[in-house]
């Protein structure tokens, strides 16, 4: 009889779920180091049965989403793992950008198994990155190949950070909440940005400048505080209710609006600066993974050099930073892959 594991990547905007069939043979059950191209969307060595992406907002909680997903088939998972935005404390997560309280026991009851693991979403992304194929990563900086800790940073609805601790034999994923650490300005303009955001929020974290909301905050600063204006096309799209991040991001990538390009490039430099801070904090000699939905959409601007220049600009440690490999995660299912592997490990 086939056995199944359930994996999910919970986001502030959407929740990505998948059900996988476990391999029947003991040999095939061992985790693969790379997932195969012919099994695209599946975790290493697991067969994708079905998947669904559903909106997170407006739902009563994760249990409601899971029950609805499982009701579309007859399979019963024997284990499950989920990447969730927020700290996992005593098997409970109060989500950062959703009004949810998720309890591992409650999730287990909803899906019918006691083998449930809740993980921070960047923890599952970090784990999943270990199994990506070479063509699912883009090297921004080759650096030097070394064993050692690896850092993971991903800007999306919020700013997630994690790392892979090298214990001398293997990498172990560890969550952090470093995205909520205090924002540190690097020049006079960013000092002014900090004052502007303090008036709005009180305390200002890195998430306030490097995330979807962060890009919107930079735009508000440029257009409201600095009183600068975009071109007519952008102004009309925004007046018609277009999403701020999407509108200015698309215009920046297309090169059709100078102000959009400037704000996005500023965002990219801030992203690189915090990625460098994380690399120093966890001594990421093994490399840095950059993920999240935003980097994929802005990749042409990320390649432009501003990200790496800010990443390396660490004073006496600049030469050290140049030796750290920096790779962009191209597979949008990376967090779900990590959750699937974590679910298998429960067995």
Protein backbone atom coordinates (compact mmCIF):
# COMPACT_ATOMS: atom_id res chain seq x y z
CA UNK A 1 0.00 0.00 0.00
CA UNK A 2 1.31 3.46 -0.91
CA UNK A 3 2.19 5.90 1.84
CA UNK A 4 2.03 9.66 1.49
CA UNK A 5 3.56 12.77 3.03
CA UNK A 6 2.08 16.26 2.95
CA UNK A 7 4.23 19.37 2.54
CA UNK A 8 3.36 23.03 2.51
CA UNK A 9 4.85 26.49 2.17
CA UNK A 10 2.63 28.98 3.98
CA UNK A 11 2.96 32.60 2.89
CA UNK A 12 1.30 35.85 3.82
CA UNK A 13 -0.25 35.94 0.35
CA UNK A 14 -0.67 32.28 -0.65
CA UNK A 15 -0.21 28.74 0.65
CA UNK A 16 1.47 26.15 -1.59
CA UNK A 17 0.59 22.53 -0.79
CA UNK A 18 1.63 19.18 -2.23
CA UNK A 19 1.00 15.52 -1.51
CA UNK A 20 3.82 13.08 -2.29
CA UNK A 21 3.96 9.30 -2.52
CA UNK A 22 6.84 7.71 -0.64
CA UNK A 23 9.05 5.31 -2.62
CA UNK A 24 8.23 1.68 -1.91
CA UNK A 25 11.80 0.35 -1.74
CA UNK A 26 14.09 1.09 1.19
CA UNK A 27 16.91 2.09 -1.15
CA UNK A 28 14.74 4.61 -2.95
CA UNK A 29 13.61 6.07 0.35
CA UNK A 30 17.02 7.64 0.96
CA UNK A 31 17.05 11.40 0.24
CA UNK A 32 18.68 12.31 -3.06
CA UNK A 33 21.17 15.16 -3.24
CA UNK A 34 19.50 16.49 -6.37
CA UNK A 35 15.90 16.22 -7.46
CA UNK A 36 15.42 14.92 -10.97
CA UNK A 37 14.25 17.08 -13.84
CA UNK A 38 11.67 14.48 -14.87
CA UNK A 39 10.12 14.82 -11.40
CA UNK A 40 9.83 18.60 -11.57
CA UNK A 41 7.88 20.04 -8.66
CA UNK A 42 8.53 16.99 -6.48
CA UNK A 43 10.93 16.53 -3.61
CA UNK A 44 14.02 14.35 -4.15
CA UNK A 45 12.99 10.72 -4.58
CA UNK A 46 9.32 11.45 -3.98
CA UNK A 47 6.50 11.23 -6.51
CA UNK A 48 4.25 14.25 -6.72
CA UNK A 49 0.62 13.12 -6.45
CA UNK A 50 -1.13 16.50 -6.55
CA UNK A 51 -0.59 20.10 -5.57
CA UNK A 52 -2.53 23.29 -5.05
CA UNK A 53 -1.82 26.95 -4.41
CA UNK A 54 -4.56 28.80 -2.53
CA UNK A 55 -4.90 32.34 -1.13
CA UNK A 56 -3.94 32.58 2.54
CA UNK A 57 -5.88 35.73 3.35
CA UNK A 58 -9.53 35.40 4.16
CA UNK A 59 -9.18 31.82 5.39
CA UNK A 60 -9.83 30.66 8.94
CA UNK A 61 -6.41 29.07 9.36
CA UNK A 62 -4.08 26.39 8.04
CA UNK A 63 -6.29 23.54 9.27
CA UNK A 64 -9.18 24.78 7.13
CA UNK A 65 -6.95 24.91 4.03
CA UNK A 66 -5.51 21.44 4.67
CA UNK A 67 -8.90 19.81 5.21
CA UNK A 68 -10.16 21.32 1.95
CA UNK A 69 -7.06 20.14 0.06
CA UNK A 70 -7.22 16.56 1.36
CA UNK A 71 -10.95 16.36 0.71
CA UNK A 72 -10.25 16.39 -3.04
CA UNK A 73 -8.75 12.88 -2.82
CA UNK A 74 -8.73 9.71 -0.74
CA UNK A 75 -5.02 9.66 0.22
CA UNK A 76 -4.14 9.96 3.91
CA UNK A 77 -0.72 11.40 4.77
CA UNK A 78 1.40 9.56 7.33
CA UNK A 79 3.56 12.63 8.00
CA UNK A 80 3.52 16.33 7.23
CA UNK A 81 5.77 19.38 7.49
CA UNK A 82 5.14 23.04 6.78
CA UNK A 83 7.22 26.16 6.34
CA UNK A 84 5.43 29.01 8.10
CA UNK A 85 6.30 32.73 8.39
CA UNK A 86 6.97 33.29 12.07
CA UNK A 87 8.91 31.82 14.99
CA UNK A 88 8.09 28.24 16.01
CA UNK A 89 7.85 28.11 19.82
CA UNK A 90 6.85 24.85 21.53
CA UNK A 91 5.33 23.55 18.27
CA UNK A 92 3.16 26.63 17.90
CA UNK A 93 3.43 29.49 15.39
CA UNK A 94 1.67 32.83 15.60
CA UNK A 95 2.13 33.98 12.03
CA UNK A 96 3.81 37.32 11.38
CA UNK A 97 1.74 38.56 8.44
CA UNK A 98 -1.44 36.51 8.94
CA UNK A 99 -3.92 36.43 11.87
CA UNK A 100 -3.30 32.72 12.47
CA UNK A 101 -2.20 30.61 15.42
CA UNK A 102 -0.96 27.24 14.16
CA UNK A 103 -0.50 24.35 16.59
CA UNK A 104 1.23 21.14 15.47
CA UNK A 105 -1.22 19.02 17.46
CA UNK A 106 -4.20 20.80 15.93
CA UNK A 107 -2.78 20.33 12.44
CA UNK A 108 -2.15 16.65 13.15
CA UNK A 109 -5.73 16.18 14.30
CA UNK A 110 -7.04 17.91 11.17
CA UNK A 111 -5.10 15.70 8.77
CA UNK A 112 -5.07 12.48 10.79
CA UNK A 113 -1.43 11.95 11.79
CA UNK A 114 0.72 12.67 14.82
CA UNK A 115 3.85 13.05 12.67
CA UNK A 116 3.74 16.80 12.07
CA UNK A 117 6.58 19.30 12.05
CA UNK A 118 6.15 23.07 11.94
CA UNK A 119 9.17 24.99 10.67
CA UNK A 120 9.94 28.59 9.88
CA UNK A 121 9.47 29.13 6.14
CA UNK A 122 13.09 30.18 5.68
CA UNK A 123 14.16 27.07 7.55
CA UNK A 124 12.39 24.93 4.94
CA UNK A 125 13.83 27.10 2.15
CA UNK A 126 17.31 26.59 3.55
CA UNK A 127 16.78 22.83 3.73
CA UNK A 128 15.31 22.71 0.24
CA UNK A 129 18.26 24.63 -1.21
CA UNK A 130 20.49 21.66 -0.40
CA UNK A 131 18.61 19.56 -2.97
CA UNK A 132 18.42 22.01 -5.87
CA UNK A 133 19.95 21.14 -9.22
CA UNK A 134 22.63 23.48 -10.66
CA UNK A 135 20.21 24.98 -13.19
CA UNK A 136 17.90 26.01 -10.33
CA UNK A 137 20.49 28.43 -8.98
CA UNK A 138 22.06 31.50 -10.57
CA UNK A 139 25.50 32.54 -9.36
CA UNK A 140 25.79 36.27 -8.73
CA UNK A 141 29.24 35.76 -7.24
CA UNK A 142 31.14 32.47 -7.71
CA UNK A 143 33.35 33.07 -4.67
CA UNK A 144 35.42 30.20 -3.33
CA UNK A 145 33.94 26.76 -2.74
CA UNK A 146 34.28 25.95 0.96
CA UNK A 147 32.57 23.80 3.53
CA UNK A 148 30.97 25.91 6.18
CA UNK A 149 27.77 27.62 7.24
CA UNK A 150 25.42 28.92 4.57
CA UNK A 151 23.01 31.84 4.88
CA UNK A 152 19.57 32.17 3.32
CA UNK A 153 17.69 35.45 2.86
CA UNK A 154 14.38 35.94 1.07
CA UNK A 155 12.26 39.04 0.61
CA UNK A 156 8.58 38.51 -0.10
CA UNK A 157 5.58 39.65 1.91
CA UNK A 158 8.11 39.94 4.74
CA UNK A 159 11.86 39.43 5.08
CA UNK A 160 12.94 35.93 6.02
CA UNK A 161 16.40 34.86 7.13
CA UNK A 162 17.86 31.51 8.12
CA UNK A 163 21.11 29.59 7.94
CA UNK A 164 22.48 26.11 7.42
CA UNK A 165 24.87 25.21 10.22
CA UNK A 166 27.78 23.02 9.09
CA UNK A 167 28.44 20.51 11.90
CA UNK A 168 31.46 18.95 10.23
CA UNK A 169 29.40 16.28 8.48
CA UNK A 170 26.20 17.81 7.17
CA UNK A 171 24.20 21.03 7.06
CA UNK A 172 21.47 21.54 9.65
CA UNK A 173 18.80 24.22 8.94
CA UNK A 174 18.24 26.81 11.65
CA UNK A 175 15.61 29.55 11.71
CA UNK A 176 16.18 33.17 12.69
CA UNK A 177 14.04 36.28 12.96
CA UNK A 178 16.84 38.53 11.74
CA UNK A 179 14.50 40.32 9.34
CA UNK A 180 13.03 42.04 12.39
CA UNK A 181 16.39 43.35 13.61
CA UNK A 182 16.84 47.14 13.66
CA UNK A 183 17.39 48.80 10.29
CA UNK A 184 20.84 50.41 10.02
CA UNK A 185 21.18 53.37 7.60
CA UNK A 186 24.40 53.56 5.57
CA UNK A 187 24.31 57.18 4.34
CA UNK A 188 22.54 60.52 4.84
CA UNK A 189 19.59 59.64 2.60
CA UNK A 190 18.95 56.43 4.52
CA UNK A 191 19.22 58.38 7.79
CA UNK A 192 16.42 60.57 6.46
CA UNK A 193 14.51 57.44 5.40
CA UNK A 194 14.84 56.10 8.94
CA UNK A 195 13.41 59.32 10.40
CA UNK A 196 10.55 59.20 7.90
CA UNK A 197 9.70 55.59 8.75
CA UNK A 198 10.03 56.16 12.50
CA UNK A 199 7.28 58.76 12.26
CA UNK A 200 5.11 56.16 10.55
CA UNK A 201 5.96 53.00 12.49
CA UNK A 202 7.89 53.97 15.62
CA UNK A 203 10.48 51.21 15.42
CA UNK A 204 11.97 50.38 12.02
CA UNK A 205 13.21 46.89 11.19
CA UNK A 206 14.96 45.64 8.06
CA UNK A 207 11.64 44.16 6.94
CA UNK A 208 10.29 47.71 6.65
CA UNK A 209 12.75 48.39 3.81
CA UNK A 210 13.54 44.96 2.30
CA UNK A 211 10.22 43.23 1.49
CA UNK A 212 7.10 43.93 -0.50
CA UNK A 213 6.05 46.51 2.05
CA UNK A 214 9.63 47.80 2.06
CA UNK A 215 9.57 48.58 -1.65
CA UNK A 216 6.28 50.44 -1.13
CA UNK A 217 7.84 52.36 1.77
CA UNK A 218 10.80 53.43 -0.37
CA UNK A 219 8.40 54.60 -3.05
CA UNK A 220 6.35 56.58 -0.53
CA UNK A 221 9.52 58.23 0.78
CA UNK A 222 10.64 59.22 -2.73
CA UNK A 223 7.25 60.51 -3.87
CA UNK A 224 5.89 61.98 -0.62
CA UNK A 225 8.89 63.09 1.41
CA UNK A 226 11.20 63.95 -1.47
CA UNK A 227 8.23 65.08 -3.60
CA UNK A 228 9.39 63.36 -6.77
CA UNK A 229 7.07 62.18 -9.52
CA UNK A 230 7.09 59.22 -11.92
CA UNK A 231 6.14 59.42 -15.58
CA UNK A 232 2.57 59.60 -16.83
CA UNK A 233 2.28 55.86 -17.57
CA UNK A 234 3.24 54.85 -14.03
CA UNK A 235 1.13 57.57 -12.49
CA UNK A 236 -1.93 56.40 -14.42
CA UNK A 237 -1.43 52.75 -13.45
CA UNK A 238 -1.10 53.66 -9.78
CA UNK A 239 -4.13 55.96 -9.93
CA UNK A 240 -6.12 53.05 -11.40
CA UNK A 241 -5.31 50.95 -8.33
CA UNK A 242 -2.27 49.06 -9.55
CA UNK A 243 -0.13 47.33 -6.92
CA UNK A 244 2.73 49.68 -6.04
CA UNK A 245 5.44 47.03 -5.96
CA UNK A 246 4.30 45.38 -9.19
CA UNK A 247 3.93 48.66 -11.10
CA UNK A 248 7.28 50.17 -10.16
CA UNK A 249 9.06 46.82 -10.41
CA UNK A 250 7.82 46.20 -13.95
CA UNK A 251 8.67 49.75 -15.03
CA UNK A 252 12.14 49.43 -13.52
CA UNK A 253 12.90 46.13 -15.23
CA UNK A 254 11.60 47.52 -18.54
CA UNK A 255 13.67 50.67 -18.06
CA UNK A 256 10.64 52.79 -18.90
CA UNK A 257 10.61 55.09 -15.88
CA UNK A 258 13.73 56.69 -14.30
CA UNK A 259 12.23 57.12 -10.82
CA UNK A 260 11.02 53.52 -10.70
CA UNK A 261 14.46 52.32 -11.76
CA UNK A 262 16.14 54.45 -9.10
CA UNK A 263 13.85 53.26 -6.28
CA UNK A 264 14.17 49.61 -7.28
CA UNK A 265 17.96 49.89 -7.51
CA UNK A 266 17.97 51.44 -4.03
CA UNK A 267 15.86 48.51 -2.81
CA UNK A 268 18.31 46.07 -4.42
CA UNK A 269 21.26 47.74 -2.69
CA UNK A 270 19.51 47.55 0.68
CA UNK A 271 18.78 43.87 0.00
CA UNK A 272 22.45 43.26 -0.74
CA UNK A 273 23.55 45.15 2.36
CA UNK A 274 21.39 43.04 4.67
CA UNK A 275 22.41 39.84 2.89
CA UNK A 276 26.00 40.82 3.69
CA UNK A 277 25.08 41.51 7.32
CA UNK A 278 23.57 38.03 7.61
CA UNK A 279 26.63 36.45 5.99
CA UNK A 280 28.88 38.12 8.57
CA UNK A 281 26.57 37.20 11.44
CA UNK A 282 26.54 33.46 10.71
CA UNK A 283 30.05 33.34 9.16
CA UNK A 284 28.63 32.02 5.89
CA UNK A 285 31.86 30.83 4.30
CA UNK A 286 29.82 28.13 2.51
CA UNK A 287 27.78 30.72 0.64
CA UNK A 288 24.59 32.77 0.61
CA UNK A 289 21.30 31.80 -1.03
CA UNK A 290 18.98 34.64 -2.08
CA UNK A 291 15.34 33.64 -2.50
CA UNK A 292 11.83 35.01 -2.32
CA UNK A 293 9.38 36.05 -4.99
CA UNK A 294 10.71 39.58 -5.35
CA UNK A 295 14.23 38.69 -6.43
CA UNK A 296 12.92 36.61 -9.33
CA UNK A 297 10.84 39.50 -10.64
CA UNK A 298 13.66 42.01 -10.24
CA UNK A 299 16.49 39.71 -11.33
CA UNK A 300 17.65 41.93 -14.23
CA UNK A 301 18.18 44.82 -11.77
CA UNK A 302 19.77 42.45 -9.22
CA UNK A 303 22.28 41.38 -11.88
CA UNK A 304 23.16 45.04 -12.43
CA UNK A 305 25.80 45.06 -9.71
CA UNK A 306 24.19 47.10 -6.97
CA UNK A 307 23.31 44.05 -4.89
CA UNK A 308 26.86 42.70 -4.88
CA UNK A 309 28.45 46.10 -4.35
CA UNK A 310 26.36 46.57 -1.20
CA UNK A 311 26.95 42.96 -0.14
CA UNK A 312 30.73 43.42 -0.32
CA UNK A 313 30.87 46.92 1.21
CA UNK A 314 31.86 45.78 4.71
CA UNK A 315 35.01 47.85 5.27
CA UNK A 316 37.93 45.73 6.42
CA UNK A 317 35.97 42.58 5.50
CA UNK A 318 35.46 43.48 1.84
CA UNK A 319 38.00 40.92 0.59
CA UNK A 320 36.38 38.28 2.80
CA UNK A 321 32.94 39.08 1.35
CA UNK A 322 34.24 38.70 -2.20
CA UNK A 323 35.10 35.06 -1.46
CA UNK A 324 31.58 34.10 -0.35
CA UNK A 325 29.52 32.41 -3.10
CA UNK A 326 26.21 34.20 -3.67
CA UNK A 327 23.46 32.31 -5.51
CA UNK A 328 19.88 33.22 -6.41
CA UNK A 329 17.29 30.47 -5.93
CA UNK A 330 15.35 30.12 -9.18
CA UNK A 331 13.03 27.28 -8.11
CA UNK A 332 9.88 28.84 -6.57
CA UNK A 333 9.10 25.50 -4.87
CA UNK A 334 12.30 25.44 -2.83
CA UNK A 335 10.56 25.90 0.54
CA UNK A 336 8.03 23.19 -0.28
CA UNK A 337 10.82 20.81 -1.29
CA UNK A 338 12.47 21.38 2.08
CA UNK A 339 9.19 20.74 3.89
CA UNK A 340 8.69 17.50 1.96
CA UNK A 341 12.14 16.28 2.92
CA UNK A 342 11.48 17.24 6.56
CA UNK A 343 8.19 15.30 6.49
CA UNK A 344 9.97 12.21 5.18
CA UNK A 345 12.60 12.55 7.93
CA UNK A 346 9.85 12.27 10.57
CA UNK A 347 9.40 8.64 9.52
